[in-house]
Structures are given as structure tokens and as C-alpha cells.
Amino acid sequence: MPTGAKLTAALCLALLAFILSEEIKPLMPEGTSFDNFTYLNMAIGLVVGWVVMGKRAGRGTVPAINNGISGVAVMLFWGLFIYGADEMFRLAMRNRYDGPFEALSQIFVIGLDYATVIFVPQVIATVLIGALVSGLVTESASRRWR
């Protein structure tokens, strides 16, 4: 059922995904294609905000901060997983893997490689501040629009 908290959480995480996408682009290797990078990240933020954060709103200030942190962590996990899977499929089409299990295990390795590239102090600060603000704004919306 749609609520103000779900909509607010979805919009907050979509905005945070937009900001993070623009911060991450200069960190990636030169020549990286960013076709739908920002739009896909915003879609991930919308879905995670609606599904994860929105339904857990309305429990108080400290749970709101925890809600924001967990929502952003889930958003980052799915982003790294999706881009790891995309890169794995690209490499699999070039016959870089000996079998399907090696290819599937490489999703997580590639995701961790991306994580080491993007987790610099500026991005970490944006993630933490965005998680805090998203959680508190979602909590405020939950209280305001019951």
C-alpha cells in the first residue's frame, strides 16, 4: 500500500543515487561507458527506498537512522551486484571463463573490485550523510502523513 513514507524514502534514495553516480564517474577508469549508469542507479534507489526503507518507517529517531543506513547499504549492494553481473556477462561473451560456476563466482569478485575503486573518503562521507538524512526525512514523512 502506498504511503508518504515509502514515496519519501524512494525519492530520497533516488536523489542520493544520482549524487553518488556523479561522484563515482570520475573515479572509474578512463574510457568507461556510462550509458544508463545514473538512471539505473536512480531506479535501484527508488525500488530500495520503497521496499526496504518505506515499510520500516515510523518507529522513532534511532531506528530511523538505522533504517537510512540499512537502506543505503542495500542500495549499494544491489548496485555493485548488478554492475558486477553486467561485467561478468560482458567477459563471459568473450569466453573468459572455463565454466558457469566460475563466471557466477566472478560477479562478487568484480563487485568487490568496483567497491575498492569507489569507496574513497568523499564517497563514504556522501553515503553516510545521505543515509542519515534519508532515514530522518523518511521518519518525518511517516509522522506527518499517517
Protein backbone atom coordinates (compact mmCIF):
# COMPACT_ATOMS: atom_id res chain seq x y z
CA MET A 1 0.00 0.00 0.00
CA PRO A 2 1.46 3.38 -0.96
CA THR A 3 2.34 5.69 1.90
CA GLY A 4 4.03 9.04 2.21
CA ALA A 5 6.98 7.39 3.92
CA LYS A 6 7.50 4.94 1.05
CA LEU A 7 7.37 7.72 -1.53
CA THR A 8 9.71 9.91 0.51
CA ALA A 9 12.19 7.08 1.05
CA ALA A 10 12.13 6.22 -2.65
CA LEU A 11 12.75 9.83 -3.68
CA CYS A 12 15.50 10.29 -1.07
CA LEU A 13 17.41 7.23 -2.21
CA ALA A 14 16.92 8.11 -5.88
CA LEU A 15 18.38 11.56 -5.19
CA LEU A 16 21.25 10.03 -3.23
CA ALA A 17 21.88 7.56 -6.08
CA PHE A 18 22.03 10.48 -8.53
CA ILE A 19 24.57 12.34 -6.37
CA LEU A 20 26.66 9.21 -5.84
CA SER A 21 26.59 8.37 -9.55
CA GLU A 22 28.04 11.75 -10.42
CA GLU A 23 30.72 11.37 -7.72
CA ILE A 24 31.66 7.89 -8.90
CA LYS A 25 32.03 8.65 -12.62
CA PRO A 26 35.42 10.43 -12.30
CA LEU A 27 36.76 7.57 -10.15
CA MET A 28 36.26 4.89 -12.79
CA PRO A 29 38.95 4.05 -15.35
CA GLU A 30 39.20 6.24 -18.41
CA GLY A 31 37.07 5.02 -21.29
CA THR A 32 34.36 3.52 -19.07
CA SER A 33 30.96 3.73 -20.74
CA PHE A 34 28.26 5.32 -18.58
CA ASP A 35 25.28 4.83 -20.90
CA ASN A 36 22.44 4.41 -18.38
CA PHE A 37 24.56 4.42 -15.24
CA THR A 38 22.82 7.28 -13.45
CA TYR A 39 19.31 6.22 -14.48
CA LEU A 40 19.82 2.62 -13.41
CA ASN A 41 21.25 3.71 -10.06
CA MET A 42 18.28 6.02 -9.52
CA ALA A 43 15.90 3.15 -10.33
CA ILE A 44 17.70 0.96 -7.79
CA GLY A 45 17.34 3.78 -5.25
CA LEU A 46 13.62 4.13 -5.97
CA VAL A 47 12.94 0.42 -5.53
CA VAL A 48 15.10 0.01 -2.42
CA GLY A 49 13.64 3.14 -0.83
CA TRP A 50 10.09 1.99 -1.47
CA VAL A 51 10.56 -1.64 -0.48
CA VAL A 52 13.20 -1.55 2.27
CA MET A 53 13.05 1.86 3.92
CA GLY A 54 9.43 2.87 3.45
CA LYS A 55 7.86 -0.03 5.28
CA ARG A 56 10.24 0.31 8.25
CA ALA A 57 9.49 3.98 8.92
CA GLY A 58 7.59 5.29 11.93
CA ARG A 59 9.49 3.66 14.78
CA GLY A 60 11.47 6.58 16.21
CA THR A 61 14.62 8.60 15.62
CA VAL A 62 17.31 6.00 16.32
CA PRO A 63 15.54 3.32 14.24
CA ALA A 64 15.16 5.97 11.51
CA ILE A 65 18.92 6.44 11.37
CA ASN A 66 19.39 2.66 11.29
CA ASN A 67 16.75 2.49 8.57
CA GLY A 68 18.67 5.01 6.49
CA ILE A 69 21.97 3.19 6.94
CA SER A 70 20.49 -0.19 6.09
CA GLY A 71 18.58 1.22 3.11
CA VAL A 72 21.71 2.78 1.66
CA ALA A 73 23.70 -0.41 2.33
CA VAL A 74 21.08 -2.45 0.44
CA MET A 75 21.15 0.08 -2.41
CA LEU A 76 24.95 -0.17 -2.62
CA PHE A 77 24.85 -3.97 -2.50
CA TRP A 78 22.37 -4.20 -5.36
CA GLY A 79 24.25 -1.62 -7.40
CA LEU A 80 27.54 -3.47 -7.03
CA PHE A 81 25.83 -6.80 -7.72
CA ILE A 82 24.10 -5.55 -10.89
CA TYR A 83 27.23 -3.93 -12.30
CA GLY A 84 29.32 -6.97 -11.34
CA ALA A 85 26.85 -9.21 -13.17
CA ASP A 86 26.89 -6.91 -16.20
CA GLU A 87 30.70 -7.02 -16.37
CA MET A 88 30.67 -10.79 -15.85
CA PHE A 89 28.28 -11.24 -18.79
CA ARG A 90 30.47 -9.00 -20.94
CA LEU A 91 33.52 -11.10 -20.10
CA ALA A 92 31.58 -14.37 -20.48
CA MET A 93 30.61 -13.43 -24.03
CA ARG A 94 34.35 -13.22 -24.76
CA ASN A 95 34.85 -16.76 -23.38
CA ARG A 96 36.95 -15.61 -20.42
CA TYR A 97 35.59 -18.28 -18.05
CA ASP A 98 36.03 -22.05 -18.05
CA GLY A 99 32.56 -22.81 -16.70
CA PRO A 100 29.33 -21.33 -15.39
CA PHE A 101 30.28 -21.58 -11.71
CA GLU A 102 33.50 -19.67 -12.27
CA ALA A 103 31.52 -16.99 -14.08
CA LEU A 104 28.92 -16.75 -11.31
CA SER A 105 31.57 -16.51 -8.61
CA GLN A 106 33.22 -13.68 -10.51
CA ILE A 107 30.13 -11.48 -10.01
CA PHE A 108 31.13 -10.98 -6.39
CA VAL A 109 34.83 -10.58 -7.18
CA ILE A 110 34.08 -7.92 -9.78
CA GLY A 111 31.65 -6.21 -7.39
CA LEU A 112 34.36 -6.10 -4.72
CA ASP A 113 36.80 -4.67 -7.27
CA TYR A 114 34.30 -1.91 -8.05
CA ALA A 115 33.81 -1.32 -4.32
CA THR A 116 37.53 -0.78 -3.78
CA VAL A 117 37.55 1.79 -6.58
CA ILE A 118 34.53 3.79 -5.43
CA PHE A 119 34.91 3.73 -1.64
CA VAL A 120 37.06 6.82 -1.22
CA PRO A 121 36.58 9.29 1.66
CA GLN A 122 34.41 11.68 -0.37
CA VAL A 123 32.01 8.93 -1.43
CA ILE A 124 31.93 7.40 2.06
CA ALA A 125 31.05 10.80 3.55
CA THR A 126 28.27 11.27 1.00
CA VAL A 127 26.93 7.78 1.73
CA LEU A 128 26.89 8.37 5.50
CA ILE A 129 25.34 11.84 5.31
CA GLY A 130 22.83 10.64 2.71
CA ALA A 131 21.87 7.66 4.87
CA LEU A 132 21.35 9.88 7.91
CA VAL A 133 19.28 12.46 6.02
CA SER A 134 17.25 9.82 4.15
CA GLY A 135 16.37 8.00 7.34
CA LEU A 136 15.36 11.15 9.22
CA VAL A 137 13.36 12.61 6.32
CA THR A 138 11.55 9.30 5.84
CA GLU A 139 10.74 9.21 9.56
CA SER A 140 9.46 12.78 9.40
CA ALA A 141 7.25 11.90 6.43
CA SER A 142 5.94 8.87 8.28
CA ARG A 143 4.91 11.01 11.23
CA ARG A 144 3.42 13.73 9.08
CA TRP A 145 1.41 11.55 6.68
CA ARG A 146 -0.06 8.70 8.67
